[in-house]
PDB file of N, CA and C in Angstrom:
ATOM      1  N   LYS A   1      18.133  -0.020  -2.148  1.00  0.00           N
ATOM      2  CA  LYS A   1      18.746   0.934  -3.213  1.00  0.00           C
ATOM      3  C   LYS A   1      17.555   1.199  -4.183  1.00  0.00           C
ATOM      4  N   ALA A   2      17.272   2.404  -4.149  1.00  0.00           N
ATOM      5  CA  ALA A   2      16.069   2.618  -5.929  1.00  0.00           C
ATOM      6  C   ALA A   2      17.134   3.470  -6.673  1.00  0.00           C
ATOM      7  N   VAL A   3      15.963   3.288  -7.422  1.00  0.00           N
ATOM      8  CA  VAL A   3      16.367   3.956  -8.899  1.00  0.00           C
ATOM      9  C   VAL A   3      15.114   4.286  -8.978  1.00  0.00           C
ATOM     10  N   VAL A   4      15.405   5.982  -9.816  1.00  0.00           N
ATOM     11  CA  VAL A   4      14.811   6.845 -10.248  1.00  0.00           C
ATOM     12  C   VAL A   4      14.346   7.409 -11.825  1.00  0.00           C
ATOM     13  N   SER A   5      13.383   6.984 -12.446  1.00  0.00           N
ATOM     14  CA  SER A   5      13.517   7.257 -13.750  1.00  0.00           C
ATOM     15  C   SER A   5      12.301   8.624 -13.937  1.00  0.00           C
ATOM     16  N   THR A   6      12.356   8.760 -14.994  1.00  0.00           N
ATOM     17  CA  THR A   6      10.803  10.102 -15.007  1.00  0.00           C
ATOM     18  C   THR A   6       9.725   9.512 -15.388  1.00  0.00           C
ATOM     19  N   GLN A   7       9.380   8.037 -15.620  1.00  0.00           N
ATOM     20  CA  GLN A   7       8.008   7.139 -15.855  1.00  0.00           C
ATOM     21  C   GLN A   7       7.774   6.195 -14.391  1.00  0.00           C
ATOM     22  N   SER A   8       9.248   5.631 -14.035  1.00  0.00           N
ATOM     23  CA  SER A   8       8.637   4.488 -13.234  1.00  0.00           C
ATOM     24  C   SER A   8       9.956   4.781 -11.967  1.00  0.00           C
ATOM     25  N   THR A   9       9.580   3.989 -10.960  1.00  0.00           N
ATOM     26  CA  THR A   9      10.947   4.251  -9.801  1.00  0.00           C
ATOM     27  C   THR A   9      10.961   2.576  -9.246  1.00  0.00           C
ATOM     28  N   GLY A  10      11.661   2.090  -8.872  1.00  0.00           N
ATOM     29  CA  GLY A  10      12.255   0.877  -8.801  1.00  0.00           C
ATOM     30  C   GLY A  10      12.832   1.032  -7.055  1.00  0.00           C
ATOM     31  N   ILE A  11      12.519   0.109  -6.468  1.00  0.00           N
ATOM     32  CA  ILE A  11      13.400  -0.183  -4.853  1.00  0.00           C
ATOM     33  C   ILE A  11      13.303  -1.788  -4.511  1.00  0.00           C
ATOM     34  N   ALA A  12      14.508  -1.780  -4.628  1.00  0.00           N
ATOM     35  CA  ALA A  12      15.274  -3.143  -4.176  1.00  0.00           C
ATOM     36  C   ALA A  12      15.253  -3.441  -2.780  1.00  0.00           C
ATOM     37  N   LEU A  13      14.555  -4.205  -1.521  1.00  0.00           N
ATOM     38  CA  LEU A  13      14.730  -4.554  -0.880  1.00  0.00           C
ATOM     39  C   LEU A  13      15.044  -6.151  -0.519  1.00  0.00           C
ATOM     40  N   PRO A  14      16.213  -5.945   0.771  1.00  0.00           N
ATOM     41  CA  PRO A  14      17.000  -7.039   1.034  1.00  0.00           C
ATOM     42  C   PRO A  14      15.550  -8.009   1.416  1.00  0.00           C
ATOM     43  N   GLY A  15      15.711  -9.175   0.735  1.00  0.00           N
ATOM     44  CA  GLY A  15      14.731 -10.072   1.536  1.00  0.00           C
ATOM     45  C   GLY A  15      13.491 -10.114   0.823  1.00  0.00           C
ATOM     46  N   ARG A  16      13.373  -9.067  -0.086  1.00  0.00           N
ATOM     47  CA  ARG A  16      11.793  -8.736  -0.424  1.00  0.00           C
ATOM     48  C   ARG A  16      11.869  -8.712  -2.246  1.00  0.00           C
ATOM     49  N   ILE A  17      10.895  -9.444  -2.726  1.00  0.00           N
ATOM     50  CA  ILE A  17      10.696  -8.518  -4.374  1.00  0.00           C
ATOM     51  C   ILE A  17      11.275  -7.625  -4.411  1.00  0.00           C
ATOM     52  N   PRO A  18      11.896  -7.014  -5.737  1.00  0.00           N
ATOM     53  CA  PRO A  18      11.884  -5.608  -5.955  1.00  0.00           C
ATOM     54  C   PRO A  18      10.575  -5.137  -6.141  1.00  0.00           C
ATOM     55  N   ILE A  19      10.344  -3.968  -6.515  1.00  0.00           N
ATOM     56  CA  ILE A  19       8.866  -3.342  -6.543  1.00  0.00           C
ATOM     57  C   ILE A  19       9.352  -1.912  -7.703  1.00  0.00           C
ATOM     58  N   THR A  20       8.372  -1.909  -8.470  1.00  0.00           N
ATOM     59  CA  THR A  20       8.212  -1.057  -9.461  1.00  0.00           C
ATOM     60  C   THR A  20       6.830  -0.248 -10.067  1.00  0.00           C
ATOM     61  N   VAL A  21       7.212   0.879  -9.179  1.00  0.00           N
ATOM     62  CA  VAL A  21       5.962   1.555  -9.463  1.00  0.00           C
ATOM     63  C   VAL A  21       5.785   2.869 -10.463  1.00  0.00           C
ATOM     64  N   LYS A  22       4.802   3.304 -10.664  1.00  0.00           N
ATOM     65  CA  LYS A  22       4.558   4.736 -12.572  1.00  0.00           C
ATOM     66  C   LYS A  22       4.690   5.840 -11.200  1.00  0.00           C
ATOM     67  N   GLY A  23       5.821   6.529 -11.818  1.00  0.00           N
ATOM     68  CA  GLY A  23       5.972   7.593 -10.959  1.00  0.00           C
ATOM     69  C   GLY A  23       7.195   7.936  -9.872  1.00  0.00           C
ATOM     70  N   GLU A  24       6.548   8.892  -8.953  1.00  0.00           N
ATOM     71  CA  GLU A  24       7.311   8.961  -7.309  1.00  0.00           C
ATOM     72  C   GLU A  24       7.250   8.078  -6.689  1.00  0.00           C
ATOM     73  N   LEU A  25       7.627   7.442  -6.135  1.00  0.00           N
ATOM     74  CA  LEU A  25       7.687   6.327  -5.007  1.00  0.00           C
ATOM     75  C   LEU A  25       7.011   7.387  -3.519  1.00  0.00           C
ATOM     76  N   PRO A  26       6.005   6.870  -2.960  1.00  0.00           N
ATOM     77  CA  PRO A  26       5.900   7.864  -1.951  1.00  0.00           C
ATOM     78  C   PRO A  26       6.018   7.271  -0.472  1.00  0.00           C
ATOM     79  N   PRO A  27       6.657   8.462   0.249  1.00  0.00           N
ATOM     80  CA  PRO A  27       7.213   8.251   1.351  1.00  0.00           C
ATOM     81  C   PRO A  27       5.977   7.180   2.148  1.00  0.00           C
ATOM     82  N   ILE A  28       6.826   6.703   3.309  1.00  0.00           N
ATOM     83  CA  ILE A  28       5.457   5.950   4.606  1.00  0.00           C
ATOM     84  C   ILE A  28       5.156   6.965   5.187  1.00  0.00           C
ATOM     85  N   ARG A  29       4.526   7.438   5.154  1.00  0.00           N
ATOM     86  CA  ARG A  29       3.793   8.725   6.695  1.00  0.00           C
ATOM     87  C   ARG A  29       3.531   8.408   7.440  1.00  0.00           C
ATOM     88  N   PHE A  30       4.015   9.689   8.474  1.00  0.00           N
ATOM     89  CA  PHE A  30       3.440   9.333  10.330  1.00  0.00           C
ATOM     90  C   PHE A  30       2.450  10.516  10.109  1.00  0.00           C
ATOM     91  N   LYS A  31       1.663  10.647  10.711  1.00  0.00           N
ATOM     92  CA  LYS A  31       0.601  11.635  11.370  1.00  0.00           C
ATOM     93  C   LYS A  31      -0.383  11.628  12.680  1.00  0.00           C
ATOM     94  N   VAL A  32       0.546  11.935  13.389  1.00  0.00           N
ATOM     95  CA  VAL A  32      -0.380  12.368  14.899  1.00  0.00           C
ATOM     96  C   VAL A  32      -1.133  12.825  14.929  1.00  0.00           C
ATOM     97  N   GLU A  33      -2.146  12.863  15.170  1.00  0.00           N
ATOM     98  CA  GLU A  33      -3.913  13.681  15.528  1.00  0.00           C
ATOM     99  C   GLU A  33      -3.931  13.247  17.105  1.00  0.00           C
ATOM    100  N   LYS A  34      -4.783  14.589  17.474  1.00  0.00           N
ATOM    101  CA  LYS A  34      -5.706  14.226  18.472  1.00  0.00           C
ATOM    102  C   LYS A  34      -6.669  13.893  18.670  1.00  0.00           C
ATOM    103  N   ARG A  35      -6.749  12.709  19.746  1.00  0.00           N
ATOM    104  CA  ARG A  35      -8.623  12.282  19.740  1.00  0.00           C
ATOM    105  C   ARG A  35      -8.779  12.959  21.223  1.00  0.00           C
ATOM    106  N   THR A  36     -10.308  12.034  21.507  1.00  0.00           N
ATOM    107  CA  THR A  36     -10.467  12.787  22.631  1.00  0.00           C
ATOM    108  C   THR A  36     -10.074  13.267  23.775  1.00  0.00           C
ATOM    109  N   GLY A  37     -10.208  14.737  24.353  1.00  0.00           N
ATOM    110  CA  GLY A  37      -9.312  15.287  25.217  1.00  0.00           C
ATOM    111  C   GLY A  37      -8.139  15.661  24.926  1.00  0.00           C
ATOM    112  N   ASN A  38      -6.899  14.939  25.748  1.00  0.00           N
ATOM    113  CA  ASN A  38      -5.511  15.307  25.262  1.00  0.00           C
ATOM    114  C   ASN A  38      -4.724  13.749  24.554  1.00  0.00           C
ATOM    115  N   LYS A  39      -5.799  12.300  24.165  1.00  0.00           N
ATOM    116  CA  LYS A  39      -5.447  11.576  23.222  1.00  0.00           C
ATOM    117  C   LYS A  39      -4.359  11.977  22.275  1.00  0.00           C
ATOM    118  N   ASN A  40      -3.153  11.305  22.316  1.00  0.00           N
ATOM    119  CA  ASN A  40      -3.157  11.414  20.571  1.00  0.00           C
ATOM    120  C   ASN A  40      -2.755   9.753  19.771  1.00  0.00           C
ATOM    121  N   VAL A  41      -2.861   9.894  18.665  1.00  0.00           N
ATOM    122  CA  VAL A  41      -2.743   8.579  17.815  1.00  0.00           C
ATOM    123  C   VAL A  41      -1.913   8.897  16.773  1.00  0.00           C
ATOM    124  N   THR A  42      -1.231   7.944  16.496  1.00  0.00           N
ATOM    125  CA  THR A  42      -0.390   7.383  14.678  1.00  0.00           C
ATOM    126  C   THR A  42      -0.971   7.267  14.112  1.00  0.00           C
ATOM    127  N   LEU A  43      -1.278   7.773  12.802  1.00  0.00           N
ATOM    128  CA  LEU A  43      -1.862   6.964  12.013  1.00  0.00           C
ATOM    129  C   LEU A  43      -0.876   6.885  10.828  1.00  0.00           C
ATOM    130  N   ILE A  44      -0.240   5.976  10.697  1.00  0.00           N
ATOM    131  CA  ILE A  44       0.798   5.517   9.112  1.00  0.00           C
ATOM    132  C   ILE A  44       0.241   4.876   8.153  1.00  0.00           C
ATOM    133  N   SER A  45       0.688   5.379   6.574  1.00  0.00           N
ATOM    134  CA  SER A  45       0.411   5.363   5.589  1.00  0.00           C
ATOM    135  C   SER A  45       1.283   5.031   4.372  1.00  0.00           C
ATOM    136  N   ASN A  46       0.421   4.462   3.234  1.00  0.00           N
ATOM    137  CA  ASN A  46       1.477   4.160   2.502  1.00  0.00           C
ATOM    138  C   ASN A  46       3.083   3.322   2.395  1.00  0.00           C
ATOM    139  N   PHE A  47       2.546   2.506   3.927  1.00  0.00           N
ATOM    140  CA  PHE A  47       3.980   1.178   3.966  1.00  0.00           C
ATOM    141  C   PHE A  47       3.565  -0.143   2.602  1.00  0.00           C
ATOM    142  N   SER A  48       2.024   0.108   2.598  1.00  0.00           N
ATOM    143  CA  SER A  48       2.166  -1.863   1.730  1.00  0.00           C
ATOM    144  C   SER A  48       2.620  -1.358   0.284  1.00  0.00           C
ATOM    145  N   ILE A  49       2.811  -0.113   0.025  1.00  0.00           N
ATOM    146  CA  ILE A  49       3.799  -0.530  -1.384  1.00  0.00           C
ATOM    147  C   ILE A  49       5.323  -1.375  -1.369  1.00  0.00           C
ATOM    148  N   PHE A  50       5.458  -1.007   0.154  1.00  0.00           N
ATOM    149  CA  PHE A  50       7.277  -1.822   0.194  1.00  0.00           C
ATOM    150  C   PHE A  50       6.941  -3.129   0.341  1.00  0.00           C
ATOM    151  N   GLY A  51       5.669  -3.841   0.183  1.00  0.00           N
ATOM    152  CA  GLY A  51       5.169  -4.860   0.745  1.00  0.00           C
ATOM    153  C   GLY A  51       5.055  -5.660   1.852  1.00  0.00           C
ATOM    154  N   ILE A  52       4.824  -3.889   2.815  1.00  0.00           N
ATOM    155  CA  ILE A  52       4.918  -4.428   4.286  1.00  0.00           C
ATOM    156  C   ILE A  52       3.407  -4.842   4.421  1.00  0.00           C
ATOM    157  N   GLU A  53       2.886  -5.688   5.060  1.00  0.00           N
ATOM    158  CA  GLU A  53       1.725  -6.093   5.496  1.00  0.00           C
ATOM    159  C   GLU A  53       1.177  -5.563   6.775  1.00  0.00           C
ATOM    160  N   ALA A  54      -0.158  -4.853   6.932  1.00  0.00           N
ATOM    161  CA  ALA A  54      -0.576  -4.198   7.318  1.00  0.00           C
ATOM    162  C   ALA A  54      -0.761  -4.704   8.753  1.00  0.00           C
ATOM    163  N   LYS A  55      -1.529  -5.826   8.986  1.00  0.00           N
ATOM    164  CA  LYS A  55      -1.222  -6.630  10.118  1.00  0.00           C
ATOM    165  C   LYS A  55      -0.207  -7.286  11.121  1.00  0.00           C
ATOM    166  N   GLU A  56       0.648  -7.021  10.385  1.00  0.00           N
ATOM    167  CA  GLU A  56       2.238  -7.723  10.603  1.00  0.00           C
ATOM    168  C   GLU A  56       2.748  -6.251  11.342  1.00  0.00           C
ATOM    169  N   LEU A  57       2.670  -4.985  10.679  1.00  0.00           N
ATOM    170  CA  LEU A  57       3.256  -3.680  11.170  1.00  0.00           C
ATOM    171  C   LEU A  57       2.386  -3.431  12.650  1.00  0.00           C
ATOM    172  N   ALA A  58       1.328  -3.685  12.028  1.00  0.00           N
ATOM    173  CA  ALA A  58       0.230  -3.792  13.549  1.00  0.00           C
ATOM    174  C   ALA A  58       0.837  -3.892  14.993  1.00  0.00           C
ATOM    175  N   GLN A  59       0.928  -5.299  14.573  1.00  0.00           N
ATOM    176  CA  GLN A  59       1.472  -6.781  15.463  1.00  0.00           C
ATOM    177  C   GLN A  59       3.082  -6.294  16.231  1.00  0.00           C
ATOM    178  N   LYS A  60       3.759  -5.747  15.359  1.00  0.00           N
ATOM    179  CA  LYS A  60       4.838  -5.474  15.673  1.00  0.00           C
ATOM    180  C   LYS A  60       4.890  -3.836  16.465  1.00  0.00           C
ATOM    181  N   LEU A  61       4.387  -2.850  16.047  1.00  0.00           N
ATOM    182  CA  LEU A  61       4.310  -1.998  16.851  1.00  0.00           C
ATOM    183  C   LEU A  61       3.682  -2.339  17.849  1.00  0.00           C
ATOM    184  N   GLN A  62       2.770  -2.800  18.197  1.00  0.00           N
ATOM    185  CA  GLN A  62       2.051  -3.030  19.435  1.00  0.00           C
ATOM    186  C   GLN A  62       2.858  -3.543  20.632  1.00  0.00           C
ATOM    187  N   LEU A  63       3.978  -4.587  20.273  1.00  0.00           N
ATOM    188  CA  LEU A  63       4.622  -5.108  20.852  1.00  0.00           C
ATOM    189  C   LEU A  63       5.899  -3.837  21.465  1.00  0.00           C
ATOM    190  N   LEU A  64       6.601  -3.544  20.307  1.00  0.00           N
ATOM    191  CA  LEU A  64       7.692  -2.008  20.810  1.00  0.00           C
ATOM    192  C   LEU A  64       6.831  -0.987  21.321  1.00  0.00           C
ATOM    193  N   GLN A  65       5.784  -0.365  20.855  1.00  0.00           N
ATOM    194  CA  GLN A  65       5.084   1.052  22.031  1.00  0.00           C
ATOM    195  C   GLN A  65       4.190   0.198  23.132  1.00  0.00           C
ATOM    196  N   SER A  66       4.046  -0.992  23.379  1.00  0.00           N
ATOM    197  CA  SER A  66       2.918  -1.060  24.366  1.00  0.00           C
ATOM    198  C   SER A  66       1.757  -0.492  24.138  1.00  0.00           C
ATOM    199  N   SER A  67       1.060  -0.487  23.264  1.00  0.00           N
ATOM    200  CA  SER A  67       0.026   0.515  22.913  1.00  0.00           C
ATOM    201  C   SER A  67      -0.551  -0.493  22.227  1.00  0.00           C
ATOM    202  N   SER A  68      -2.397  -0.332  21.850  1.00  0.00           N
ATOM    203  CA  SER A  68      -2.969  -0.537  20.803  1.00  0.00           C
ATOM    204  C   SER A  68      -2.796  -0.154  19.326  1.00  0.00           C
ATOM    205  N   ALA A  69      -2.861  -0.659  18.989  1.00  0.00           N
ATOM    206  CA  ALA A  69      -2.368  -0.865  17.335  1.00  0.00           C
ATOM    207  C   ALA A  69      -3.528  -1.245  16.357  1.00  0.00           C
ATOM    208  N   THR A  70      -4.514  -1.165  15.162  1.00  0.00           N
ATOM    209  CA  THR A  70      -5.129  -1.722  14.326  1.00  0.00           C
ATOM    210  C   THR A  70      -4.942  -1.089  13.343  1.00  0.00           C
ATOM    211  N   VAL A  71      -5.675  -2.553  12.042  1.00  0.00           N
ATOM    212  CA  VAL A  71      -5.985  -2.036  11.259  1.00  0.00           C
ATOM    213  C   VAL A  71      -6.902  -1.006  10.402  1.00  0.00           C
ATOM    214  N   VAL A  72      -6.871   0.272   9.645  1.00  0.00           N
ATOM    215  CA  VAL A  72      -8.029   0.794   9.274  1.00  0.00           C
ATOM    216  C   VAL A  72      -7.729   1.186   7.986  1.00  0.00           C
ATOM    217  N   ALA A  73      -8.737   1.424   7.430  1.00  0.00           N
ATOM    218  CA  ALA A  73      -9.232   1.695   6.011  1.00  0.00           C
ATOM    219  C   ALA A  73      -9.237   3.011   5.805  1.00  0.00           C
ATOM    220  N   GLY A  74      -7.885   3.009   4.790  1.00  0.00           N
ATOM    221  CA  GLY A  74      -7.648   4.878   4.456  1.00  0.00           C
ATOM    222  C   GLY A  74      -8.362   4.893   3.071  1.00  0.00           C
ATOM    223  N   VAL A  75      -7.991   6.424   3.047  1.00  0.00           N
ATOM    224  CA  VAL A  75      -8.071   6.637   1.145  1.00  0.00           C
ATOM    225  C   VAL A  75      -7.287   5.679   0.560  1.00  0.00           C
ATOM    226  N   LYS A  76      -6.431   6.004   0.346  1.00  0.00           N
ATOM    227  CA  LYS A  76      -5.140   5.099  -0.456  1.00  0.00           C
ATOM    228  C   LYS A  76      -5.292   3.626  -0.184  1.00  0.00           C
ATOM    229  N   GLY A  77      -5.973   2.925   0.607  1.00  0.00           N
ATOM    230  CA  GLY A  77      -5.399   1.121   1.036  1.00  0.00           C
ATOM    231  C   GLY A  77      -5.605   1.522   2.378  1.00  0.00           C
ATOM    232  N   GLU A  78      -4.912   0.922   2.920  1.00  0.00           N
ATOM    233  CA  GLU A  78      -4.853   0.057   5.043  1.00  0.00           C
ATOM    234  C   GLU A  78      -3.935   1.515   5.226  1.00  0.00           C
ATOM    235  N   GLU A  79      -4.149   1.203   6.580  1.00  0.00           N
ATOM    236  CA  GLU A  79      -3.645   2.363   7.546  1.00  0.00           C
ATOM    237  C   GLU A  79      -3.465   1.544   8.830  1.00  0.00           C
ATOM    238  N   VAL A  80      -2.472   1.314   9.674  1.00  0.00           N
ATOM    239  CA  VAL A  80      -2.101   1.664  10.960  1.00  0.00           C
ATOM    240  C   VAL A  80      -2.428   2.585  11.528  1.00  0.00           C
ATOM    241  N   LEU A  81      -3.012   2.056  12.946  1.00  0.00           N
ATOM    242  CA  LEU A  81      -3.386   3.454  13.645  1.00  0.00           C
ATOM    243  C   LEU A  81      -2.874   2.989  15.503  1.00  0.00           C
ATOM    244  N   VAL A  82      -2.046   3.938  15.806  1.00  0.00           N
ATOM    245  CA  VAL A  82      -1.642   2.774  16.979  1.00  0.00           C
ATOM    246  C   VAL A  82      -1.979   4.085  18.145  1.00  0.00           C
ATOM    247  N   GLN A  83      -1.988   3.767  19.012  1.00  0.00           N
ATOM    248  CA  GLN A  83      -2.307   5.045  20.110  1.00  0.00           C
ATOM    249  C   GLN A  83      -0.939   5.257  20.555  1.00  0.00           C
ATOM    250  N   GLY A  84      -1.202   6.741  20.767  1.00  0.00           N
ATOM    251  CA  GLY A  84       0.347   7.435  21.513  1.00  0.00           C
ATOM    252  C   GLY A  84       0.884   7.889  20.230  1.00  0.00           C
ATOM    253  N   ASP A  85       1.613   8.233  20.500  1.00  0.00           N
ATOM    254  CA  ASP A  85       2.929   9.298  19.148  1.00  0.00           C
ATOM    255  C   ASP A  85       4.238   8.116  18.941  1.00  0.00           C
ATOM    256  N   ALA A  86       4.119   7.276  18.331  1.00  0.00           N
ATOM    257  CA  ALA A  86       4.727   5.841  17.624  1.00  0.00           C
ATOM    258  C   ALA A  86       5.593   5.985  16.484  1.00  0.00           C
ATOM    259  N   ARG A  87       5.933   7.928  16.314  1.00  0.00           N
ATOM    260  CA  ARG A  87       6.743   7.845  15.307  1.00  0.00           C
ATOM    261  C   ARG A  87       8.121   7.807  14.917  1.00  0.00           C
ATOM    262  N   LYS A  88       8.602   7.920  17.046  1.00  0.00           N
ATOM    263  CA  LYS A  88       9.961   7.142  16.770  1.00  0.00           C
ATOM    264  C   LYS A  88      10.393   5.495  16.988  1.00  0.00           C
ATOM    265  N   HIS A  89       9.448   4.861  17.277  1.00  0.00           N
ATOM    266  CA  HIS A  89       9.142   2.921  17.494  1.00  0.00           C
ATOM    267  C   HIS A  89       9.000   3.208  15.688  1.00  0.00           C
ATOM    268  N   ALA A  90       8.100   3.692  15.576  1.00  0.00           N
ATOM    269  CA  ALA A  90       7.958   3.460  14.162  1.00  0.00           C
ATOM    270  C   ALA A  90       9.467   3.392  12.822  1.00  0.00           C
ATOM    271  N   THR A  91       9.528   4.372  13.057  1.00  0.00           N
ATOM    272  CA  THR A  91      10.419   4.853  11.769  1.00  0.00           C
ATOM    273  C   THR A  91      11.795   3.969  12.491  1.00  0.00           C
ATOM    274  N   LYS A  92      12.306   3.294  14.050  1.00  0.00           N
ATOM    275  CA  LYS A  92      13.147   2.741  13.967  1.00  0.00           C
ATOM    276  C   LYS A  92      13.104   1.332  13.729  1.00  0.00           C
ATOM    277  N   LEU A  93      11.614   0.827  13.556  1.00  0.00           N
ATOM    278  CA  LEU A  93      11.187  -0.824  13.142  1.00  0.00           C
ATOM    279  C   LEU A  93      11.344  -0.461  11.400  1.00  0.00           C
ATOM    280  N   LEU A  94      10.710   0.505  10.787  1.00  0.00           N
ATOM    281  CA  LEU A  94      11.261   0.430   9.408  1.00  0.00           C
ATOM    282  C   LEU A  94      12.453   0.721   8.715  1.00  0.00           C
ATOM    283  N   LEU A  95      13.317   1.080   9.724  1.00  0.00           N
ATOM    284  CA  LEU A  95      14.573   1.878   8.950  1.00  0.00           C
ATOM    285  C   LEU A  95      15.599   0.092   9.484  1.00  0.00           C
ATOM    286  N   GLN A  96      15.600  -0.422  10.455  1.00  0.00           N
ATOM    287  CA  GLN A  96      16.444  -1.451  11.120  1.00  0.00           C
ATOM    288  C   GLN A  96      15.365  -2.548  10.424  1.00  0.00           C
ATOM    289  N   GLU A  97      14.318  -3.339  11.532  1.00  0.00           N
ATOM    290  CA  GLU A  97      13.942  -4.228  10.539  1.00  0.00           C
ATOM    291  C   GLU A  97      13.744  -4.595   9.234  1.00  0.00           C
ATOM    292  N   TYR A  98      12.963  -4.013   8.500  1.00  0.00           N
ATOM    293  CA  TYR A  98      11.711  -3.916   7.161  1.00  0.00           C
ATOM    294  C   TYR A  98      13.208  -2.878   6.024  1.00  0.00           C
ATOM    295  N   LYS A  99      14.565  -2.467   6.917  1.00  0.00           N
ATOM    296  CA  LYS A  99      15.449  -2.170   5.613  1.00  0.00           C
ATOM    297  C   LYS A  99      14.852  -0.886   4.789  1.00  0.00           C
ATOM    298  N   ILE A 100      14.371  -0.220   5.235  1.00  0.00           N
ATOM    299  CA  ILE A 100      13.445   0.926   4.069  1.00  0.00           C
ATOM    300  C   ILE A 100      14.615   1.954   3.820  1.00  0.00           C
ATOM    301  N   PRO A 101      14.623   2.227   3.296  1.00  0.00           N
ATOM    302  CA  PRO A 101      15.926   4.138   3.103  1.00  0.00           C
ATOM    303  C   PRO A 101      15.241   4.900   3.883  1.00  0.00           C
ATOM    304  N   LYS A 102      15.973   5.937   4.330  1.00  0.00           N
ATOM    305  CA  LYS A 102      15.324   6.845   5.533  1.00  0.00           C
ATOM    306  C   LYS A 102      14.683   8.180   4.163  1.00  0.00           C
ATOM    307  N   THR A 103      14.939   7.895   2.787  1.00  0.00           N
ATOM    308  CA  THR A 103      14.170   8.848   2.141  1.00  0.00           C
ATOM    309  C   THR A 103      12.939   8.789   2.283  1.00  0.00           C
ATOM    310  N   PHE A 104      12.573   7.694   2.159  1.00  0.00           N
ATOM    311  CA  PHE A 104      11.438   7.075   2.098  1.00  0.00           C
ATOM    312  C   PHE A 104      10.324   6.885   3.124  1.00  0.00           C
ATOM    313  N   VAL A 105      10.737   7.457   4.641  1.00  0.00           N
ATOM    314  CA  VAL A 105      10.124   7.647   5.863  1.00  0.00           C
ATOM    315  C   VAL A 105      10.153   9.286   6.395  1.00  0.00           C
ATOM    316  N   SER A 106       8.390   9.317   6.503  1.00  0.00           N
ATOM    317  CA  SER A 106       8.441  10.606   6.387  1.00  0.00           C
ATOM    318  C   SER A 106       7.700  10.964   7.620  1.00  0.00           C
ATOM    319  N   SER A 107       7.476  11.684   8.560  1.00  0.00           N
ATOM    320  CA  SER A 107       6.646  12.213   9.645  1.00  0.00           C
ATOM    321  C   SER A 107       6.663  13.549   9.453  1.00  0.00           C
ATOM    322  N   SER A 108       5.183  13.851  10.003  1.00  0.00           N
ATOM    323  CA  SER A 108       4.617  14.927  10.029  1.00  0.00           C
ATOM    324  C   SER A 108       4.093  15.846  11.384  1.00  0.00           C
TER     325      SER A 108
END
């Protein structure tokens, strides 16, 4: 359940400590990029604000996607890099296992 005000945003997820941030709560973003040749990778960012550990998310996506996943340093914190287009699996994982509201999961 998300609570939005002009100054801060708070969210309480099942089994996790409630989170309050200044301003708008940024959505978890997926970005599919082309790498060498025809290879695609999915870059996932903004998940740490929801209390999700990068290493844990990478390991779960590795098993779910059956491909390589690693933690990389991003501009605004850690990001998870997954081989292939992992948007479908990552969205399902975030919505069902982590109970992130759909409004905070955004793919581009």
